[in-house]
Amino acid sequence: MSLENFFNPDSVAIVGASEKKGKVGAEILANMLQAGYKGKIFPVNRKAETINGLKCYPDIGSIGHVPDVVIIVIPAKAVPEVMQQCTKVGVKSVIIITAGFKEIGKEGQALEQQVIQIAKQAGIRIIGPNCLGVIVPANNLNASFGGDLPSSGSIGYLSQSGALLAAILDMANEKDIGFSKLISIGNKADINELDIMKSLGDDSDTQVIAGYLESIEDGNIFVREAEKI
């Protein structure tokens, strides 16, 4: 399974983009712009015509282009509707930053299952939900609400904890530690630690894989894959 769309997208849509300070959608858009991302950025927000000088769209369908990655930063109950929009235009890669899914209990778990079902039927791969995002320094990609873009290097880092990844970013920028890729996997509704580890194992830019996990889907397979890499 290739995660190339997540790591090297030519275009990114941010659903829930905002100019309001303190909003996660504002932080992600600001981080993308500050990092110097070279691709196209499509802010999506029904209440704005432009955000940070970029044309804003009311929904995914109105963009007129299929984004390589869609980042979702809106209330959890609205996420299935956006997923349906993604299926209609042919989006294949989605990062769900939004929290409020299985980590909050039965209601959130049912909502997460609904999102997974929509994704499976359309062949959409998901990172998250309840995650910090994805960062690829070499591609000037800071699709996260973490800290500043760190230096480019050879360490691939995955984390199930967004807070810990944010701390790693702060330390990396303070001590100038370089990374190939940093991935926050959150609830692992679809893409899990094994998927990320395999992808990093095949990545010529990555020579060290590090991370933090709170659960492992299949320990035996995980260990075998780690030994193989």
C-alpha atoms as a PDB file:
ATOM      1  CA  MET A   1       0.000   0.000   0.000  1.00  0.00           C
ATOM      2  CA  SER A   2       1.445   3.340  -1.050  1.00  0.00           C
ATOM      3  CA  LEU A   3       1.033   6.378   1.184  1.00  0.00           C
ATOM      4  CA  GLU A   4       2.582   8.669  -1.437  1.00  0.00           C
ATOM      5  CA  ASN A   5      -0.491  10.908  -1.582  1.00  0.00           C
ATOM      6  CA  PHE A   6      -0.130  11.661   2.118  1.00  0.00           C
ATOM      7  CA  PHE A   7       3.603  12.328   1.944  1.00  0.00           C
ATOM      8  CA  ASN A   8       3.989  14.079  -1.405  1.00  0.00           C
ATOM      9  CA  PRO A   9       0.653  15.630  -2.416  1.00  0.00           C
ATOM     10  CA  ASP A  10       0.369  18.096  -5.277  1.00  0.00           C
ATOM     11  CA  SER A  11      -2.777  19.564  -3.743  1.00  0.00           C
ATOM     12  CA  VAL A  12      -4.372  19.729  -0.300  1.00  0.00           C
ATOM     13  CA  ALA A  13      -7.887  20.760   0.719  1.00  0.00           C
ATOM     14  CA  ILE A  14      -8.460  21.909   4.309  1.00  0.00           C
ATOM     15  CA  VAL A  15     -12.092  21.477   5.361  1.00  0.00           C
ATOM     16  CA  GLY A  16     -12.619  23.788   8.292  1.00  0.00           C
ATOM     17  CA  ALA A  17      -9.890  26.245   7.305  1.00  0.00           C
ATOM     18  CA  SER A  18     -10.193  29.521   9.185  1.00  0.00           C
ATOM     19  CA  GLU A  19      -8.553  32.875   9.851  1.00  0.00           C
ATOM     20  CA  LYS A  20      -9.614  32.932  13.504  1.00  0.00           C
ATOM     21  CA  LYS A  21      -6.653  32.604  15.837  1.00  0.00           C
ATOM     22  CA  GLY A  22      -6.906  29.622  18.127  1.00  0.00           C
ATOM     23  CA  LYS A  23      -8.894  27.548  15.657  1.00  0.00           C
ATOM     24  CA  VAL A  24      -7.188  24.314  14.596  1.00  0.00           C
ATOM     25  CA  GLY A  25      -8.183  24.987  10.982  1.00  0.00           C
ATOM     26  CA  ALA A  26      -6.399  28.335  11.175  1.00  0.00           C
ATOM     27  CA  GLU A  27      -3.255  26.746  12.642  1.00  0.00           C
ATOM     28  CA  ILE A  28      -3.064  24.070   9.947  1.00  0.00           C
ATOM     29  CA  LEU A  29      -3.487  26.547   7.107  1.00  0.00           C
ATOM     30  CA  ALA A  30      -0.920  28.902   8.686  1.00  0.00           C
ATOM     31  CA  ASN A  31       1.535  26.023   9.105  1.00  0.00           C
ATOM     32  CA  MET A  32       1.087  24.962   5.482  1.00  0.00           C
ATOM     33  CA  LEU A  33       1.751  28.498   4.243  1.00  0.00           C
ATOM     34  CA  GLN A  34       4.643  29.160   6.635  1.00  0.00           C
ATOM     35  CA  ALA A  35       6.338  25.881   5.636  1.00  0.00           C
ATOM     36  CA  GLY A  36       6.384  27.055   2.013  1.00  0.00           C
ATOM     37  CA  TYR A  37       4.294  24.195   0.614  1.00  0.00           C
ATOM     38  CA  LYS A  38       4.666  24.262  -3.179  1.00  0.00           C
ATOM     39  CA  GLY A  39       1.381  22.591  -4.136  1.00  0.00           C
ATOM     40  CA  LYS A  40      -2.149  23.948  -4.352  1.00  0.00           C
ATOM     41  CA  ILE A  41      -4.073  24.694  -1.159  1.00  0.00           C
ATOM     42  CA  PHE A  42      -7.875  24.751  -1.190  1.00  0.00           C
ATOM     43  CA  PRO A  43      -9.463  26.187   1.972  1.00  0.00           C
ATOM     44  CA  VAL A  44     -13.026  24.892   2.448  1.00  0.00           C
ATOM     45  CA  ASN A  45     -15.409  26.904   4.613  1.00  0.00           C
ATOM     46  CA  ARG A  46     -19.020  27.849   3.829  1.00  0.00           C
ATOM     47  CA  LYS A  47     -18.733  31.103   5.743  1.00  0.00           C
ATOM     48  CA  ALA A  48     -15.800  32.682   3.883  1.00  0.00           C
ATOM     49  CA  GLU A  49     -14.956  33.723   0.326  1.00  0.00           C
ATOM     50  CA  THR A  50     -11.209  34.065   0.928  1.00  0.00           C
ATOM     51  CA  ILE A  51      -8.889  32.982   3.747  1.00  0.00           C
ATOM     52  CA  ASN A  52      -5.323  34.263   4.037  1.00  0.00           C
ATOM     53  CA  GLY A  53      -5.529  35.500   0.448  1.00  0.00           C
ATOM     54  CA  LEU A  54      -6.651  32.111  -0.918  1.00  0.00           C
ATOM     55  CA  LYS A  55      -9.993  31.519  -2.594  1.00  0.00           C
ATOM     56  CA  CYS A  56     -12.295  29.615  -0.256  1.00  0.00           C
ATOM     57  CA  TYR A  57     -14.809  26.967  -1.334  1.00  0.00           C
ATOM     58  CA  PRO A  58     -18.127  26.008   0.286  1.00  0.00           C
ATOM     59  CA  ASP A  59     -17.561  22.272  -0.156  1.00  0.00           C
ATOM     60  CA  ILE A  60     -15.261  19.703  -1.784  1.00  0.00           C
ATOM     61  CA  GLY A  61     -17.382  19.410  -4.921  1.00  0.00           C
ATOM     62  CA  SER A  62     -17.122  23.114  -5.723  1.00  0.00           C
ATOM     63  CA  ILE A  63     -13.302  23.075  -5.949  1.00  0.00           C
ATOM     64  CA  GLY A  64     -13.362  21.724  -9.519  1.00  0.00           C
ATOM     65  CA  HIS A  65     -10.223  19.675  -8.827  1.00  0.00           C
ATOM     66  CA  VAL A  66      -9.643  16.399  -6.978  1.00  0.00           C
ATOM     67  CA  PRO A  67      -7.254  17.138  -4.083  1.00  0.00           C
ATOM     68  CA  ASP A  68      -4.560  14.549  -3.421  1.00  0.00           C
ATOM     69  CA  VAL A  69      -5.289  14.906   0.298  1.00  0.00           C
ATOM     70  CA  VAL A  70      -8.280  16.267   2.183  1.00  0.00           C
ATOM     71  CA  ILE A  71      -7.662  17.416   5.767  1.00  0.00           C
ATOM     72  CA  ILE A  72     -10.831  17.487   7.873  1.00  0.00           C
ATOM     73  CA  VAL A  73     -10.992  19.858  10.854  1.00  0.00           C
ATOM     74  CA  ILE A  74     -14.705  20.255  11.613  1.00  0.00           C
ATOM     75  CA  PRO A  75     -17.029  18.938  14.362  1.00  0.00           C
ATOM     76  CA  ALA A  76     -17.190  15.140  14.404  1.00  0.00           C
ATOM     77  CA  LYS A  77     -20.898  14.891  13.519  1.00  0.00           C
ATOM     78  CA  ALA A  78     -20.267  16.739  10.238  1.00  0.00           C
ATOM     79  CA  VAL A  79     -17.397  14.465   9.149  1.00  0.00           C
ATOM     80  CA  PRO A  80     -19.560  11.760   7.431  1.00  0.00           C
ATOM     81  CA  GLU A  81     -21.090  14.419   5.154  1.00  0.00           C
ATOM     82  CA  VAL A  82     -17.614  15.576   4.083  1.00  0.00           C
ATOM     83  CA  MET A  83     -16.574  11.955   3.526  1.00  0.00           C
ATOM     84  CA  GLN A  84     -19.547  11.573   1.197  1.00  0.00           C
ATOM     85  CA  GLN A  85     -18.397  14.675  -0.698  1.00  0.00           C
ATOM     86  CA  CYS A  86     -14.966  13.060  -1.027  1.00  0.00           C
ATOM     87  CA  THR A  87     -16.463   9.888  -2.501  1.00  0.00           C
ATOM     88  CA  LYS A  88     -18.380  11.867  -5.137  1.00  0.00           C
ATOM     89  CA  VAL A  89     -15.292  13.598  -6.552  1.00  0.00           C
ATOM     90  CA  GLY A  90     -12.878  10.660  -6.197  1.00  0.00           C
ATOM     91  CA  VAL A  91     -10.659  11.713  -3.280  1.00  0.00           C
ATOM     92  CA  LYS A  92      -8.528   8.769  -2.104  1.00  0.00           C
ATOM     93  CA  SER A  93      -6.559  10.130   0.882  1.00  0.00           C
ATOM     94  CA  VAL A  94      -8.027  11.826   3.961  1.00  0.00           C
ATOM     95  CA  ILE A  95      -6.497  13.057   7.224  1.00  0.00           C
ATOM     96  CA  ILE A  96      -9.132  13.461   9.939  1.00  0.00           C
ATOM     97  CA  ILE A  97      -7.766  15.784  12.603  1.00  0.00           C
ATOM     98  CA  THR A  98     -11.127  16.039  14.360  1.00  0.00           C
ATOM     99  CA  ALA A  99     -11.586  14.401  17.760  1.00  0.00           C
ATOM    100  CA  GLY A 100     -14.866  13.097  19.202  1.00  0.00           C
ATOM    101  CA  PHE A 101     -14.850   9.540  17.892  1.00  0.00           C
ATOM    102  CA  LYS A 102     -14.222   6.216  19.623  1.00  0.00           C
ATOM    103  CA  GLU A 103     -12.008   7.866  22.232  1.00  0.00           C
ATOM    104  CA  ILE A 104     -15.146   9.432  23.822  1.00  0.00           C
ATOM    105  CA  GLY A 105     -17.280   6.286  24.049  1.00  0.00           C
ATOM    106  CA  LYS A 106     -20.100   4.419  22.269  1.00  0.00           C
ATOM    107  CA  GLU A 107     -21.595   7.391  20.425  1.00  0.00           C
ATOM    108  CA  GLY A 108     -18.209   8.382  19.048  1.00  0.00           C
ATOM    109  CA  GLN A 109     -17.399   4.776  18.176  1.00  0.00           C
ATOM    110  CA  ALA A 110     -20.617   4.481  16.136  1.00  0.00           C
ATOM    111  CA  LEU A 111     -19.727   7.691  14.300  1.00  0.00           C
ATOM    112  CA  GLU A 112     -16.229   6.399  13.574  1.00  0.00           C
ATOM    113  CA  GLN A 113     -17.670   3.161  12.171  1.00  0.00           C
ATOM    114  CA  GLN A 114     -19.904   5.218   9.876  1.00  0.00           C
ATOM    115  CA  VAL A 115     -16.863   7.089   8.568  1.00  0.00           C
ATOM    116  CA  ILE A 116     -14.933   3.841   8.065  1.00  0.00           C
ATOM    117  CA  GLN A 117     -17.818   2.307   6.119  1.00  0.00           C
ATOM    118  CA  ILE A 118     -18.019   5.290   3.751  1.00  0.00           C
ATOM    119  CA  ALA A 119     -14.255   5.163   3.232  1.00  0.00           C
ATOM    120  CA  LYS A 120     -14.138   1.419   2.530  1.00  0.00           C
ATOM    121  CA  GLN A 121     -16.904   1.586  -0.040  1.00  0.00           C
ATOM    122  CA  ALA A 122     -15.053   4.344  -1.924  1.00  0.00           C
ATOM    123  CA  GLY A 123     -11.494   3.034  -1.497  1.00  0.00           C
ATOM    124  CA  ILE A 124     -10.471   6.025   0.616  1.00  0.00           C
ATOM    125  CA  ARG A 125      -7.542   5.660   3.033  1.00  0.00           C
ATOM    126  CA  ILE A 126      -7.685   7.550   6.324  1.00  0.00           C
ATOM    127  CA  ILE A 127      -5.080   8.774   8.796  1.00  0.00           C
ATOM    128  CA  GLY A 128      -6.774   9.509  12.125  1.00  0.00           C
ATOM    129  CA  PRO A 129      -9.229  10.589  13.365  1.00  0.00           C
ATOM    130  CA  ASN A 130      -8.188  12.419  16.520  1.00  0.00           C
ATOM    131  CA  CYS A 131      -4.666  13.072  15.258  1.00  0.00           C
ATOM    132  CA  LEU A 132      -2.169  15.909  14.889  1.00  0.00           C
ATOM    133  CA  GLY A 133      -1.505  15.430  11.157  1.00  0.00           C
ATOM    134  CA  VAL A 134       1.394  14.646   8.823  1.00  0.00           C
ATOM    135  CA  ILE A 135       4.724  16.449   8.384  1.00  0.00           C
ATOM    136  CA  VAL A 136       7.302  15.943   5.603  1.00  0.00           C
ATOM    137  CA  PRO A 137      10.118  18.514   5.893  1.00  0.00           C
ATOM    138  CA  ALA A 138      11.752  17.701   2.522  1.00  0.00           C
ATOM    139  CA  ASN A 139       8.457  18.509   0.755  1.00  0.00           C
ATOM    140  CA  ASN A 140       7.727  21.633   2.839  1.00  0.00           C
ATOM    141  CA  LEU A 141       4.600  19.861   4.048  1.00  0.00           C
ATOM    142  CA  ASN A 142       3.329  20.742   7.514  1.00  0.00           C
ATOM    143  CA  ALA A 143      -0.208  19.365   7.363  1.00  0.00           C
ATOM    144  CA  SER A 144      -0.579  19.538  11.127  1.00  0.00           C
ATOM    145  CA  PHE A 145      -1.350  21.852  14.016  1.00  0.00           C
ATOM    146  CA  GLY A 146       1.953  21.000  15.686  1.00  0.00           C
ATOM    147  CA  GLY A 147       4.969  23.260  15.834  1.00  0.00           C
ATOM    148  CA  ASP A 148       7.145  24.744  13.110  1.00  0.00           C
ATOM    149  CA  LEU A 149       8.486  22.583  10.303  1.00  0.00           C
ATOM    150  CA  PRO A 150      11.619  20.771  11.550  1.00  0.00           C
ATOM    151  CA  SER A 151      14.798  20.203   9.538  1.00  0.00           C
ATOM    152  CA  SER A 152      14.913  17.484   6.907  1.00  0.00           C
ATOM    153  CA  GLY A 153      16.662  14.312   8.037  1.00  0.00           C
ATOM    154  CA  SER A 154      16.536  10.527   8.012  1.00  0.00           C
ATOM    155  CA  ILE A 155      14.308   9.741  11.024  1.00  0.00           C
ATOM    156  CA  GLY A 156      10.746   8.589  10.385  1.00  0.00           C
ATOM    157  CA  TYR A 157       8.535   9.088  13.445  1.00  0.00           C
ATOM    158  CA  LEU A 158       5.029   7.802  14.108  1.00  0.00           C
ATOM    159  CA  SER A 159       2.977   8.579  17.192  1.00  0.00           C
ATOM    160  CA  GLN A 160      -0.381   7.533  18.557  1.00  0.00           C
ATOM    161  CA  SER A 161      -0.254  10.550  20.862  1.00  0.00           C
ATOM    162  CA  GLY A 162      -0.607  13.978  19.303  1.00  0.00           C
ATOM    163  CA  ALA A 163       0.635  15.669  22.481  1.00  0.00           C
ATOM    164  CA  LEU A 164       3.841  13.630  22.478  1.00  0.00           C
ATOM    165  CA  LEU A 165       4.431  14.347  18.795  1.00  0.00           C
ATOM    166  CA  ALA A 166       4.023  18.065  19.489  1.00  0.00           C
ATOM    167  CA  ALA A 167       6.653  17.758  22.235  1.00  0.00           C
ATOM    168  CA  ILE A 168       8.981  15.893  19.851  1.00  0.00           C
ATOM    169  CA  LEU A 169       8.555  18.719  17.324  1.00  0.00           C
ATOM    170  CA  ASP A 170       9.458  21.352  19.923  1.00  0.00           C
ATOM    171  CA  MET A 171      12.565  19.378  20.908  1.00  0.00           C
ATOM    172  CA  ALA A 172      13.519  18.762  17.279  1.00  0.00           C
ATOM    173  CA  ASN A 173      13.360  22.457  16.439  1.00  0.00           C
ATOM    174  CA  GLU A 174      15.297  23.422  19.572  1.00  0.00           C
ATOM    175  CA  LYS A 175      18.076  20.890  18.955  1.00  0.00           C
ATOM    176  CA  ASP A 176      17.916  20.892  15.122  1.00  0.00           C
ATOM    177  CA  ILE A 177      17.041  17.201  14.815  1.00  0.00           C
ATOM    178  CA  GLY A 178      16.061  16.257  11.263  1.00  0.00           C
ATOM    179  CA  PHE A 179      13.161  14.036  10.203  1.00  0.00           C
ATOM    180  CA  SER A 180      12.104  12.399   6.945  1.00  0.00           C
ATOM    181  CA  LYS A 181       8.455  12.120   7.986  1.00  0.00           C
ATOM    182  CA  LEU A 182       6.360  12.548  11.126  1.00  0.00           C
ATOM    183  CA  ILE A 183       2.937  10.930  11.277  1.00  0.00           C
ATOM    184  CA  SER A 184       0.291  11.191  13.974  1.00  0.00           C
ATOM    185  CA  ILE A 185      -1.990   8.130  13.664  1.00  0.00           C
ATOM    186  CA  GLY A 186      -4.559   8.963  16.371  1.00  0.00           C
ATOM    187  CA  ASN A 187      -7.411   6.445  16.603  1.00  0.00           C
ATOM    188  CA  LYS A 188      -6.066   4.293  13.728  1.00  0.00           C
ATOM    189  CA  ALA A 189      -9.540   3.916  12.191  1.00  0.00           C
ATOM    190  CA  ASP A 190      -7.878   2.751   8.968  1.00  0.00           C
ATOM    191  CA  ILE A 191      -4.126   3.259   8.567  1.00  0.00           C
ATOM    192  CA  ASN A 192      -2.313   1.823  11.582  1.00  0.00           C
ATOM    193  CA  GLU A 193       1.224   1.500  12.929  1.00  0.00           C
ATOM    194  CA  LEU A 194       2.008  -1.496  10.699  1.00  0.00           C
ATOM    195  CA  ASP A 195       0.998   0.390   7.543  1.00  0.00           C
ATOM    196  CA  ILE A 196       3.172   3.339   8.525  1.00  0.00           C
ATOM    197  CA  MET A 197       6.122   1.182   9.528  1.00  0.00           C
ATOM    198  CA  LYS A 198       6.025  -0.739   6.233  1.00  0.00           C
ATOM    199  CA  SER A 199       5.848   2.531   4.288  1.00  0.00           C
ATOM    200  CA  LEU A 200       8.778   4.013   6.209  1.00  0.00           C
ATOM    201  CA  GLY A 201      10.696   0.759   5.753  1.00  0.00           C
ATOM    202  CA  ASP A 202      10.365   1.146   1.974  1.00  0.00           C
ATOM    203  CA  ASP A 203      11.228   4.856   2.069  1.00  0.00           C
ATOM    204  CA  SER A 204      14.722   5.681   0.781  1.00  0.00           C
ATOM    205  CA  ASP A 205      14.716   8.937   2.785  1.00  0.00           C
ATOM    206  CA  THR A 206      14.192   7.081   6.077  1.00  0.00           C
ATOM    207  CA  GLN A 207      17.029   5.248   7.806  1.00  0.00           C
ATOM    208  CA  VAL A 208      15.674   5.181  11.367  1.00  0.00           C
ATOM    209  CA  ILE A 209      12.086   4.460  12.427  1.00  0.00           C
ATOM    210  CA  ALA A 210      11.032   5.663  15.871  1.00  0.00           C
ATOM    211  CA  GLY A 211       7.715   6.217  17.548  1.00  0.00           C
ATOM    212  CA  TYR A 212       5.277   5.986  20.404  1.00  0.00           C
ATOM    213  CA  LEU A 213       2.347   3.548  20.526  1.00  0.00           C
ATOM    214  CA  GLU A 214      -0.397   2.994  23.089  1.00  0.00           C
ATOM    215  CA  SER A 215      -1.688  -0.166  21.388  1.00  0.00           C
ATOM    216  CA  ILE A 216      -0.519  -2.596  18.699  1.00  0.00           C
ATOM    217  CA  GLU A 217      -3.051  -4.323  16.434  1.00  0.00           C
ATOM    218  CA  ASP A 218      -1.041  -7.528  15.955  1.00  0.00           C
ATOM    219  CA  GLY A 219       2.135  -7.845  18.004  1.00  0.00           C
ATOM    220  CA  ASN A 220       3.526 -10.892  16.186  1.00  0.00           C
ATOM    221  CA  ILE A 221       3.203  -9.346  12.729  1.00  0.00           C
ATOM    222  CA  PHE A 222       4.545  -6.042  14.034  1.00  0.00           C
ATOM    223  CA  VAL A 223       7.683  -7.698  15.434  1.00  0.00           C
ATOM    224  CA  ARG A 224       8.259  -9.742  12.292  1.00  0.00           C
ATOM    225  CA  GLU A 225       7.935  -6.668  10.087  1.00  0.00           C
ATOM    226  CA  ALA A 226      10.281  -4.690  12.349  1.00  0.00           C
ATOM    227  CA  GLU A 227      12.880  -7.471  12.161  1.00  0.00           C
ATOM    228  CA  LYS A 228      12.502  -7.620   8.373  1.00  0.00           C
ATOM    229  CA  ILE A 229      13.058  -3.864   8.015  1.00  0.00           C
END
